[in-house]
Amino acid sequence: MEQPRLTIPADVPAALRAKRHIADLDRRAREGHVLARRILDLAASDPRVDDPAKLIRLARIIERTAENHARQARHLANQLAEINTVFFDNTSLYLACNFGQIKPRCNLFIKLRP
């Protein structure tokens, strides 16, 4: 019986782009949390604010957006963690896999056709 062929994507730097996207989402989430906290502090303490309810609503919107960015970053990081590293040589493909919460890592060895 013939072994199924593995299609290896030609675009290997996609993992690097995914890591950058995760870092960008994480940065946006952290900045959003900080900005929402600053807006709430401003609404509570600055006497020049006429309508603190508007600032509180704005802070809630920013906080919700930051939570969505954090959720997206976690989701993408979990997807990327399923296949952590890929090493190529002439006949073998080594995959170091991390299946969610299962520890220790499961190392797979897949033979490819020469």
C-alpha atoms as a PDB file:
ATOM      1  CA  MET A   1       0.000   0.000   0.000  1.00  0.00           C
ATOM      2  CA  GLU A   2       1.362   3.370  -0.991  1.00  0.00           C
ATOM      3  CA  GLN A   3       1.985   5.892   1.763  1.00  0.00           C
ATOM      4  CA  PRO A   4       0.101   9.168   1.483  1.00  0.00           C
ATOM      5  CA  ARG A   5       2.196  12.109   0.376  1.00  0.00           C
ATOM      6  CA  LEU A   6       2.646  15.003   2.737  1.00  0.00           C
ATOM      7  CA  THR A   7       2.217  18.413   1.232  1.00  0.00           C
ATOM      8  CA  ILE A   8       4.657  20.809   2.836  1.00  0.00           C
ATOM      9  CA  PRO A   9       3.694  24.422   2.254  1.00  0.00           C
ATOM     10  CA  ALA A  10       6.190  26.370   0.199  1.00  0.00           C
ATOM     11  CA  ASP A  11       5.557  29.387   2.388  1.00  0.00           C
ATOM     12  CA  VAL A  12       7.429  28.307   5.536  1.00  0.00           C
ATOM     13  CA  PRO A  13       7.771  31.857   6.951  1.00  0.00           C
ATOM     14  CA  ALA A  14       4.025  31.803   7.620  1.00  0.00           C
ATOM     15  CA  ALA A  15       4.787  30.681  11.189  1.00  0.00           C
ATOM     16  CA  LEU A  16       6.928  33.769  11.680  1.00  0.00           C
ATOM     17  CA  ARG A  17       4.129  35.973  10.359  1.00  0.00           C
ATOM     18  CA  ALA A  18       1.688  34.237  12.678  1.00  0.00           C
ATOM     19  CA  LYS A  19       3.965  34.895  15.668  1.00  0.00           C
ATOM     20  CA  ARG A  20       4.203  38.562  14.704  1.00  0.00           C
ATOM     21  CA  HIS A  21       0.418  38.763  14.367  1.00  0.00           C
ATOM     22  CA  ILE A  22      -0.014  37.163  17.799  1.00  0.00           C
ATOM     23  CA  ALA A  23       2.471  39.638  19.292  1.00  0.00           C
ATOM     24  CA  ASP A  24       0.619  42.524  17.635  1.00  0.00           C
ATOM     25  CA  LEU A  25      -2.740  41.344  19.004  1.00  0.00           C
ATOM     26  CA  ASP A  26      -1.196  40.919  22.453  1.00  0.00           C
ATOM     27  CA  ARG A  27       0.284  44.422  22.297  1.00  0.00           C
ATOM     28  CA  ARG A  28      -3.094  45.874  21.253  1.00  0.00           C
ATOM     29  CA  ALA A  29      -4.797  44.065  24.125  1.00  0.00           C
ATOM     30  CA  ARG A  30      -2.310  45.367  26.705  1.00  0.00           C
ATOM     31  CA  GLU A  31      -2.500  48.924  25.342  1.00  0.00           C
ATOM     32  CA  GLY A  32      -6.305  48.764  25.307  1.00  0.00           C
ATOM     33  CA  HIS A  33      -6.436  47.645  28.946  1.00  0.00           C
ATOM     34  CA  VAL A  34      -4.068  50.449  29.968  1.00  0.00           C
ATOM     35  CA  LEU A  35      -6.023  53.048  27.991  1.00  0.00           C
ATOM     36  CA  ALA A  36      -9.351  51.931  29.459  1.00  0.00           C
ATOM     37  CA  ARG A  37      -7.914  52.104  32.987  1.00  0.00           C
ATOM     38  CA  ARG A  38      -6.566  55.621  32.348  1.00  0.00           C
ATOM     39  CA  ILE A  39      -9.930  56.776  30.989  1.00  0.00           C
ATOM     40  CA  LEU A  40     -11.711  55.396  34.058  1.00  0.00           C
ATOM     41  CA  ASP A  41      -9.220  57.136  36.352  1.00  0.00           C
ATOM     42  CA  LEU A  42      -9.742  60.376  34.437  1.00  0.00           C
ATOM     43  CA  ALA A  43     -13.526  60.072  34.635  1.00  0.00           C
ATOM     44  CA  ALA A  44     -13.357  59.457  38.381  1.00  0.00           C
ATOM     45  CA  SER A  45     -10.814  62.064  39.413  1.00  0.00           C
ATOM     46  CA  ASP A  46     -10.742  64.998  36.974  1.00  0.00           C
ATOM     47  CA  PRO A  47     -13.185  67.783  37.923  1.00  0.00           C
ATOM     48  CA  ARG A  48     -13.093  69.164  34.360  1.00  0.00           C
ATOM     49  CA  VAL A  49     -15.064  66.173  33.064  1.00  0.00           C
ATOM     50  CA  ASP A  50     -18.662  67.240  32.441  1.00  0.00           C
ATOM     51  CA  ASP A  51     -20.190  63.820  31.759  1.00  0.00           C
ATOM     52  CA  PRO A  52     -18.240  60.940  33.312  1.00  0.00           C
ATOM     53  CA  ALA A  53     -20.830  58.440  32.029  1.00  0.00           C
ATOM     54  CA  LYS A  54     -19.661  59.032  28.451  1.00  0.00           C
ATOM     55  CA  LEU A  55     -16.067  58.328  29.409  1.00  0.00           C
ATOM     56  CA  ILE A  56     -17.105  55.212  31.303  1.00  0.00           C
ATOM     57  CA  ARG A  57     -18.985  53.926  28.233  1.00  0.00           C
ATOM     58  CA  LEU A  58     -15.925  54.678  26.087  1.00  0.00           C
ATOM     59  CA  ALA A  59     -13.693  52.798  28.541  1.00  0.00           C
ATOM     60  CA  ARG A  60     -16.056  49.798  28.418  1.00  0.00           C
ATOM     61  CA  ILE A  61     -15.922  49.743  24.611  1.00  0.00           C
ATOM     62  CA  ILE A  62     -12.118  49.921  24.644  1.00  0.00           C
ATOM     63  CA  GLU A  63     -11.929  47.226  27.332  1.00  0.00           C
ATOM     64  CA  ARG A  64     -14.223  44.924  25.331  1.00  0.00           C
ATOM     65  CA  THR A  65     -12.089  45.463  22.228  1.00  0.00           C
ATOM     66  CA  ALA A  66      -8.941  44.689  24.236  1.00  0.00           C
ATOM     67  CA  GLU A  67     -10.541  41.479  25.531  1.00  0.00           C
ATOM     68  CA  ASN A  68     -11.381  40.468  21.953  1.00  0.00           C
ATOM     69  CA  HIS A  69      -7.767  41.086  20.897  1.00  0.00           C
ATOM     70  CA  ALA A  70      -6.514  39.003  23.830  1.00  0.00           C
ATOM     71  CA  ARG A  71      -8.959  36.200  22.952  1.00  0.00           C
ATOM     72  CA  GLN A  72      -7.815  36.226  19.309  1.00  0.00           C
ATOM     73  CA  ALA A  73      -4.164  36.141  20.395  1.00  0.00           C
ATOM     74  CA  ARG A  74      -4.801  33.155  22.695  1.00  0.00           C
ATOM     75  CA  HIS A  75      -6.698  31.316  19.959  1.00  0.00           C
ATOM     76  CA  LEU A  76      -3.961  31.857  17.373  1.00  0.00           C
ATOM     77  CA  ALA A  77      -1.242  30.940  19.888  1.00  0.00           C
ATOM     78  CA  ASN A  78      -3.037  27.671  20.680  1.00  0.00           C
ATOM     79  CA  GLN A  79      -3.307  26.866  16.990  1.00  0.00           C
ATOM     80  CA  LEU A  80       0.360  27.651  16.445  1.00  0.00           C
ATOM     81  CA  ALA A  81       1.380  25.575  19.481  1.00  0.00           C
ATOM     82  CA  GLU A  82      -0.083  22.431  17.922  1.00  0.00           C
ATOM     83  CA  ILE A  83       2.959  22.262  15.669  1.00  0.00           C
ATOM     84  CA  ASN A  84       5.802  24.086  17.387  1.00  0.00           C
ATOM     85  CA  THR A  85       8.815  23.410  15.243  1.00  0.00           C
ATOM     86  CA  VAL A  86       9.487  21.780  11.910  1.00  0.00           C
ATOM     87  CA  PHE A  87      12.922  20.442  10.926  1.00  0.00           C
ATOM     88  CA  PHE A  88      13.644  19.283   7.375  1.00  0.00           C
ATOM     89  CA  ASP A  89      16.333  16.937   6.092  1.00  0.00           C
ATOM     90  CA  ASN A  90      16.547  14.643   3.059  1.00  0.00           C
ATOM     91  CA  THR A  91      14.259  11.826   4.158  1.00  0.00           C
ATOM     92  CA  SER A  92      12.559  12.832   7.378  1.00  0.00           C
ATOM     93  CA  LEU A  93      10.210  15.386   8.777  1.00  0.00           C
ATOM     94  CA  TYR A  94      10.397  15.888  12.518  1.00  0.00           C
ATOM     95  CA  LEU A  95       7.425  17.496  14.170  1.00  0.00           C
ATOM     96  CA  ALA A  96       7.611  18.527  17.797  1.00  0.00           C
ATOM     97  CA  CYS A  97       3.971  18.632  18.759  1.00  0.00           C
ATOM     98  CA  ASN A  98       2.251  20.106  21.765  1.00  0.00           C
ATOM     99  CA  PHE A  99      -1.349  18.928  21.948  1.00  0.00           C
ATOM    100  CA  GLY A 100      -3.004  21.486  24.167  1.00  0.00           C
ATOM    101  CA  GLN A 101      -2.826  20.533  27.810  1.00  0.00           C
ATOM    102  CA  ILE A 102      -1.309  17.080  27.280  1.00  0.00           C
ATOM    103  CA  LYS A 103       2.209  16.997  28.726  1.00  0.00           C
ATOM    104  CA  PRO A 104       4.976  16.102  27.958  1.00  0.00           C
ATOM    105  CA  ARG A 105       5.317  16.974  24.316  1.00  0.00           C
ATOM    106  CA  CYS A 106       4.579  14.249  21.822  1.00  0.00           C
ATOM    107  CA  ASN A 107       7.390  13.855  19.300  1.00  0.00           C
ATOM    108  CA  LEU A 108       6.303  12.492  15.934  1.00  0.00           C
ATOM    109  CA  PHE A 109       8.652  11.030  13.370  1.00  0.00           C
ATOM    110  CA  ILE A 110       7.274  10.814   9.833  1.00  0.00           C
ATOM    111  CA  LYS A 111       9.229   9.221   6.995  1.00  0.00           C
ATOM    112  CA  LEU A 112       9.015  10.952   3.645  1.00  0.00           C
ATOM    113  CA  ARG A 113       9.869   9.572   0.269  1.00  0.00           C
ATOM    114  CA  PRO A 114      13.397  10.457  -0.865  1.00  0.00           C
END
